[in-house]
């Protein structure tokens, strides 16, 4: 994808651990989204109308034994960084 920027690191504090995820910011229409690899799968986060970042990747949400609390913490961390 030619509209991606460099891969950045997103440190997330979760269950008394400091996890670091690689992320890319993607221009998406009039807004943006972040591509983050979570548990080996691509997961996309984008802000909703209130500016809260939420996971929107159907593939990830369908096929992974994902930890929804981890996704919530990632979204909150993105929100803090973007303020």
N, C-alpha and C. Protein backbone atom coordinates (compact mmCIF):
# COMPACT_ATOMS: atom_id res chain seq x y z
N UNK A 1 0.85 -1.18 0.00
CA UNK A 1 0.00 0.00 0.00
C UNK A 1 0.88 1.23 0.00
N UNK A 2 0.68 2.10 -0.93
CA UNK A 2 1.57 3.23 -1.06
C UNK A 2 1.17 4.43 -0.21
N UNK A 3 0.08 4.36 0.54
CA UNK A 3 -0.29 5.48 1.40
C UNK A 3 0.08 5.24 2.85
N UNK A 4 0.91 4.24 3.12
CA UNK A 4 1.33 3.95 4.48
C UNK A 4 2.60 4.71 4.80
N UNK A 5 2.73 5.08 6.05
CA UNK A 5 3.95 5.71 6.50
C UNK A 5 4.87 4.62 7.05
N UNK A 6 5.95 5.04 7.66
CA UNK A 6 6.87 4.09 8.27
C UNK A 6 6.20 3.35 9.42
N UNK A 7 6.78 2.21 9.75
CA UNK A 7 6.28 1.44 10.89
C UNK A 7 6.76 2.12 12.17
N UNK A 8 5.83 2.36 13.06
CA UNK A 8 6.12 2.99 14.35
C UNK A 8 5.91 1.97 15.45
N UNK A 9 6.42 2.25 16.63
CA UNK A 9 6.22 1.35 17.76
C UNK A 9 5.16 1.93 18.68
N UNK A 10 4.25 1.08 19.13
CA UNK A 10 3.21 1.47 20.06
C UNK A 10 3.39 0.67 21.34
N UNK A 11 3.92 1.30 22.40
CA UNK A 11 4.04 0.60 23.68
C UNK A 11 2.69 0.59 24.39
N UNK A 12 2.29 -0.57 24.89
CA UNK A 12 1.00 -0.73 25.56
C UNK A 12 1.24 -1.43 26.89
N UNK A 13 0.72 -0.86 27.97
CA UNK A 13 0.80 -1.49 29.28
C UNK A 13 -0.44 -2.35 29.47
N UNK A 14 -0.22 -3.66 29.61
CA UNK A 14 -1.34 -4.60 29.68
C UNK A 14 -0.99 -5.76 30.60
N UNK A 15 -1.83 -5.99 31.58
CA UNK A 15 -1.66 -7.08 32.56
C UNK A 15 -0.25 -7.09 33.14
N UNK A 16 0.16 -5.94 33.65
CA UNK A 16 1.47 -5.77 34.30
C UNK A 16 2.66 -6.05 33.38
N UNK A 17 2.43 -5.94 32.09
CA UNK A 17 3.51 -6.12 31.11
C UNK A 17 3.53 -4.91 30.18
N UNK A 18 4.71 -4.62 29.65
CA UNK A 18 4.85 -3.59 28.63
C UNK A 18 5.00 -4.31 27.30
N UNK A 19 3.96 -4.24 26.46
CA UNK A 19 3.97 -4.87 25.14
C UNK A 19 4.26 -3.78 24.11
N UNK A 20 4.95 -4.14 23.06
CA UNK A 20 5.26 -3.19 22.00
C UNK A 20 4.75 -3.77 20.69
N UNK A 21 3.90 -3.01 20.01
CA UNK A 21 3.32 -3.42 18.74
C UNK A 21 3.84 -2.51 17.63
N UNK A 22 4.10 -3.09 16.47
CA UNK A 22 4.41 -2.30 15.29
C UNK A 22 3.11 -1.78 14.71
N UNK A 23 3.10 -0.53 14.28
CA UNK A 23 1.87 0.02 13.70
C UNK A 23 2.20 0.93 12.53
N UNK A 24 1.24 1.02 11.63
CA UNK A 24 1.34 1.92 10.49
C UNK A 24 0.08 2.77 10.45
N UNK A 25 0.25 4.06 10.20
CA UNK A 25 -0.90 4.95 10.06
C UNK A 25 -1.26 5.03 8.58
N UNK A 26 -2.54 4.87 8.28
CA UNK A 26 -3.02 4.86 6.91
C UNK A 26 -4.05 5.96 6.73
N UNK A 27 -3.87 6.81 5.72
CA UNK A 27 -4.91 7.79 5.39
C UNK A 27 -6.12 7.03 4.88
N UNK A 28 -7.30 7.39 5.37
CA UNK A 28 -8.52 6.64 5.05
C UNK A 28 -9.63 7.65 4.80
N UNK A 29 -9.80 8.03 3.54
CA UNK A 29 -10.81 9.05 3.22
C UNK A 29 -10.45 10.36 3.88
N UNK A 30 -11.38 10.87 4.67
CA UNK A 30 -11.13 12.12 5.39
C UNK A 30 -10.55 11.89 6.77
N UNK A 31 -10.24 10.66 7.09
CA UNK A 31 -9.73 10.34 8.42
C UNK A 31 -8.50 9.44 8.26
N UNK A 32 -8.27 8.59 9.22
CA UNK A 32 -7.11 7.69 9.21
C UNK A 32 -7.47 6.43 9.98
N UNK A 33 -6.62 5.44 9.84
CA UNK A 33 -6.72 4.23 10.66
C UNK A 33 -5.31 3.73 10.90
N UNK A 34 -5.18 2.88 11.88
CA UNK A 34 -3.89 2.28 12.20
C UNK A 34 -3.96 0.79 11.94
N UNK A 35 -2.91 0.27 11.29
CA UNK A 35 -2.77 -1.17 11.11
C UNK A 35 -1.77 -1.65 12.16
N UNK A 36 -2.22 -2.57 13.00
CA UNK A 36 -1.38 -3.10 14.08
C UNK A 36 -1.45 -4.62 14.03
N UNK A 37 -0.31 -5.25 14.12
CA UNK A 37 -0.26 -6.72 14.15
C UNK A 37 -0.45 -7.15 15.60
N UNK A 38 -1.56 -7.86 15.86
CA UNK A 38 -1.89 -8.35 17.20
C UNK A 38 -1.98 -9.87 17.13
N UNK A 39 -1.17 -10.53 17.92
CA UNK A 39 -1.14 -12.00 17.93
C UNK A 39 -0.95 -12.57 16.53
N UNK A 40 -0.10 -11.93 15.74
CA UNK A 40 0.22 -12.43 14.41
C UNK A 40 -0.77 -12.08 13.31
N UNK A 41 -1.86 -11.37 13.63
CA UNK A 41 -2.87 -11.01 12.64
C UNK A 41 -3.01 -9.50 12.52
N UNK A 42 -3.30 -9.03 11.29
CA UNK A 42 -3.54 -7.60 11.08
C UNK A 42 -4.84 -7.18 11.75
N UNK A 43 -4.78 -6.10 12.47
CA UNK A 43 -5.98 -5.54 13.08
C UNK A 43 -5.96 -4.05 12.81
N UNK A 44 -7.10 -3.51 12.39
CA UNK A 44 -7.20 -2.09 12.08
C UNK A 44 -7.98 -1.38 13.16
N UNK A 45 -7.50 -0.20 13.52
CA UNK A 45 -8.16 0.65 14.51
C UNK A 45 -8.46 1.98 13.86
N UNK A 46 -9.66 2.50 14.08
CA UNK A 46 -9.99 3.82 13.58
C UNK A 46 -10.85 4.54 14.61
N UNK A 47 -10.82 5.88 14.56
CA UNK A 47 -11.61 6.64 15.53
C UNK A 47 -13.09 6.64 15.14
N UNK A 48 -13.96 6.53 16.15
CA UNK A 48 -15.39 6.66 15.88
C UNK A 48 -15.76 8.15 15.94
N UNK A 49 -17.05 8.46 15.87
CA UNK A 49 -17.47 9.86 15.83
C UNK A 49 -17.12 10.63 17.10
N UNK A 50 -16.83 9.92 18.19
CA UNK A 50 -16.43 10.56 19.45
C UNK A 50 -14.92 10.61 19.61
N UNK A 51 -14.18 10.08 18.62
CA UNK A 51 -12.72 10.08 18.67
C UNK A 51 -12.14 8.91 19.44
N UNK A 52 -12.95 7.93 19.79
CA UNK A 52 -12.48 6.74 20.49
C UNK A 52 -12.03 5.71 19.46
N UNK A 53 -10.82 5.20 19.63
CA UNK A 53 -10.28 4.22 18.68
C UNK A 53 -10.83 2.83 18.98
N UNK A 54 -11.32 2.19 17.92
CA UNK A 54 -11.91 0.86 18.05
C UNK A 54 -11.34 -0.07 16.98
N UNK A 55 -11.26 -1.35 17.32
CA UNK A 55 -10.83 -2.35 16.35
C UNK A 55 -11.94 -2.55 15.34
N UNK A 56 -11.59 -2.51 14.06
CA UNK A 56 -12.60 -2.64 13.00
C UNK A 56 -12.26 -3.75 12.01
N UNK A 57 -11.27 -4.55 12.31
CA UNK A 57 -10.84 -5.59 11.38
C UNK A 57 -11.70 -6.83 11.51
N UNK A 58 -12.56 -7.04 10.53
CA UNK A 58 -13.46 -8.20 10.55
C UNK A 58 -12.68 -9.51 10.55
N UNK A 59 -11.62 -9.59 9.75
CA UNK A 59 -10.84 -10.82 9.66
C UNK A 59 -10.26 -11.18 11.02
N UNK A 60 -9.68 -10.19 11.68
CA UNK A 60 -9.08 -10.44 12.99
C UNK A 60 -10.16 -10.86 13.99
N UNK A 61 -11.24 -10.11 14.02
CA UNK A 61 -12.28 -10.37 15.01
C UNK A 61 -12.96 -11.72 14.80
N UNK A 62 -13.00 -12.20 13.56
CA UNK A 62 -13.64 -13.50 13.27
C UNK A 62 -12.73 -14.69 13.54
N UNK A 63 -11.45 -14.57 13.20
CA UNK A 63 -10.58 -15.74 13.15
C UNK A 63 -9.60 -15.87 14.30
N UNK A 64 -9.44 -14.86 15.08
CA UNK A 64 -8.45 -14.94 16.16
C UNK A 64 -9.13 -15.29 17.47
N UNK A 65 -8.39 -15.94 18.31
CA UNK A 65 -8.89 -16.12 19.67
C UNK A 65 -8.42 -14.88 20.43
N UNK A 66 -8.93 -13.74 19.98
CA UNK A 66 -8.45 -12.45 20.45
C UNK A 66 -8.88 -12.18 21.88
N UNK A 67 -8.12 -11.34 22.49
CA UNK A 67 -8.40 -10.87 23.83
C UNK A 67 -9.03 -9.50 23.67
N UNK A 68 -10.33 -9.41 23.86
CA UNK A 68 -11.03 -8.13 23.63
C UNK A 68 -10.54 -7.05 24.58
N UNK A 69 -10.09 -7.42 25.76
CA UNK A 69 -9.57 -6.42 26.69
C UNK A 69 -8.27 -5.82 26.15
N UNK A 70 -7.43 -6.64 25.52
CA UNK A 70 -6.21 -6.13 24.90
C UNK A 70 -6.55 -5.15 23.79
N UNK A 71 -7.54 -5.47 22.96
CA UNK A 71 -7.93 -4.56 21.89
C UNK A 71 -8.42 -3.23 22.47
N UNK A 72 -9.15 -3.28 23.55
CA UNK A 72 -9.64 -2.07 24.20
C UNK A 72 -8.47 -1.22 24.71
N UNK A 73 -7.49 -1.86 25.33
CA UNK A 73 -6.32 -1.14 25.85
C UNK A 73 -5.52 -0.53 24.71
N UNK A 74 -5.37 -1.25 23.61
CA UNK A 74 -4.67 -0.69 22.44
C UNK A 74 -5.41 0.55 21.95
N UNK A 75 -6.73 0.46 21.82
CA UNK A 75 -7.52 1.61 21.38
C UNK A 75 -7.38 2.80 22.32
N UNK A 76 -7.40 2.56 23.63
CA UNK A 76 -7.23 3.64 24.60
C UNK A 76 -5.84 4.28 24.50
N UNK A 77 -4.83 3.44 24.29
CA UNK A 77 -3.46 3.95 24.15
C UNK A 77 -3.34 4.82 22.90
N UNK A 78 -3.94 4.40 21.79
CA UNK A 78 -3.94 5.21 20.57
C UNK A 78 -4.62 6.56 20.83
N UNK A 79 -5.76 6.52 21.53
CA UNK A 79 -6.48 7.74 21.85
C UNK A 79 -5.63 8.71 22.65
N UNK A 80 -4.89 8.20 23.64
CA UNK A 80 -4.02 9.05 24.45
C UNK A 80 -2.93 9.67 23.60
N UNK A 81 -2.35 8.90 22.70
CA UNK A 81 -1.28 9.42 21.85
C UNK A 81 -1.77 10.47 20.86
N UNK A 82 -3.01 10.35 20.42
CA UNK A 82 -3.52 11.26 19.39
C UNK A 82 -4.15 12.53 19.96
N UNK A 83 -4.23 12.64 21.25
CA UNK A 83 -4.77 13.87 21.85
C UNK A 83 -3.83 15.01 21.72
